[in-house]
């Protein structure tokens, strides 16, 4: 469970640092015989840095309050 909290924490830190990304796609406009016209479209994916900070807080909470799994070895004679 602590590993999960740490992974969520790192994802939140990346979300805070980057705060979005863009993606380019191609779309066919006209395709008549040997004539082909395409257009490039940019899609923006943005989020608030506050969302990243919230994810950091959730990851830190999971990390701090998760119980460490322990394995006990029974050493009776």
Protein backbone atom coordinates (compact mmCIF):
# COMPACT_ATOMS: atom_id res chain seq x y z
CA UNK A 1 0.00 0.00 0.00
CA UNK A 2 2.92 2.33 0.66
CA UNK A 3 4.16 1.77 -2.90
CA UNK A 4 0.74 2.80 -4.23
CA UNK A 5 0.86 6.01 -2.19
CA UNK A 6 4.33 6.78 -3.48
CA UNK A 7 3.29 6.19 -7.10
CA UNK A 8 0.26 8.48 -6.68
CA UNK A 9 2.51 11.11 -5.08
CA UNK A 10 4.91 11.03 -8.06
CA UNK A 11 2.01 11.26 -10.53
CA UNK A 12 0.73 14.32 -8.67
CA UNK A 13 4.18 15.93 -8.77
CA UNK A 14 4.34 15.38 -12.54
CA UNK A 15 0.83 16.80 -12.96
CA UNK A 16 1.84 19.90 -11.01
CA UNK A 17 5.05 20.38 -12.99
CA UNK A 18 3.58 19.82 -16.45
CA UNK A 19 -0.02 21.13 -16.05
CA UNK A 20 -1.03 19.80 -19.47
CA UNK A 21 0.09 18.56 -22.87
CA UNK A 22 -0.87 18.89 -26.52
CA UNK A 23 -1.50 16.27 -29.15
CA UNK A 24 -1.41 16.66 -32.95
CA UNK A 25 -3.72 14.62 -35.19
CA UNK A 26 -4.16 14.52 -38.96
CA UNK A 27 -7.55 14.61 -40.59
CA UNK A 28 -8.37 13.96 -44.25
CA UNK A 29 -10.35 16.83 -45.71
CA UNK A 30 -10.54 15.86 -49.39
CA UNK A 31 -9.59 12.59 -51.10
CA UNK A 32 -10.39 12.70 -54.82
CA UNK A 33 -8.32 10.36 -56.97
CA UNK A 34 -4.69 11.41 -56.67
CA UNK A 35 -5.54 14.65 -54.84
CA UNK A 36 -5.46 14.40 -51.08
CA UNK A 37 -5.76 17.32 -48.69
CA UNK A 38 -5.11 16.84 -44.97
CA UNK A 39 -5.19 19.18 -42.01
CA UNK A 40 -3.34 18.98 -38.72
CA UNK A 41 -5.40 19.63 -35.61
CA UNK A 42 -3.93 20.44 -32.21
CA UNK A 43 -5.77 19.12 -29.16
CA UNK A 44 -4.87 20.66 -25.81
CA UNK A 45 -5.30 18.79 -22.54
CA UNK A 46 -4.92 21.22 -19.65
CA UNK A 47 -5.56 20.90 -15.94
CA UNK A 48 -5.09 23.15 -12.96
CA UNK A 49 -1.94 22.84 -10.84
CA UNK A 50 -4.31 22.62 -7.86
CA UNK A 51 -5.44 19.24 -9.18
CA UNK A 52 -1.82 18.08 -9.10
CA UNK A 53 -1.45 19.34 -5.53
CA UNK A 54 -4.61 17.47 -4.55
CA UNK A 55 -3.23 14.25 -6.03
CA UNK A 56 0.02 14.84 -4.12
CA UNK A 57 -1.97 15.22 -0.88
CA UNK A 58 -3.91 11.99 -1.52
CA UNK A 59 -0.70 10.08 -2.31
CA UNK A 60 1.03 11.44 0.79
CA UNK A 61 -1.97 10.53 2.94
CA UNK A 62 -2.02 6.98 1.62
CA UNK A 63 1.73 6.67 2.13
CA UNK A 64 1.68 8.02 5.68
CA UNK A 65 -1.37 6.16 6.97
CA UNK A 66 -0.83 2.82 5.23
CA UNK A 67 0.34 0.01 7.44
CA UNK A 68 3.53 -1.64 6.43
CA UNK A 69 2.99 -5.29 5.59
CA UNK A 70 5.10 -7.51 7.78
CA UNK A 71 5.68 -11.18 7.49
CA UNK A 72 6.30 -13.02 10.71
CA UNK A 73 8.26 -16.24 10.75
CA UNK A 74 7.12 -18.76 13.32
CA UNK A 75 10.33 -20.07 14.90
CA UNK A 76 8.98 -22.57 17.41
CA UNK A 77 10.99 -25.68 18.24
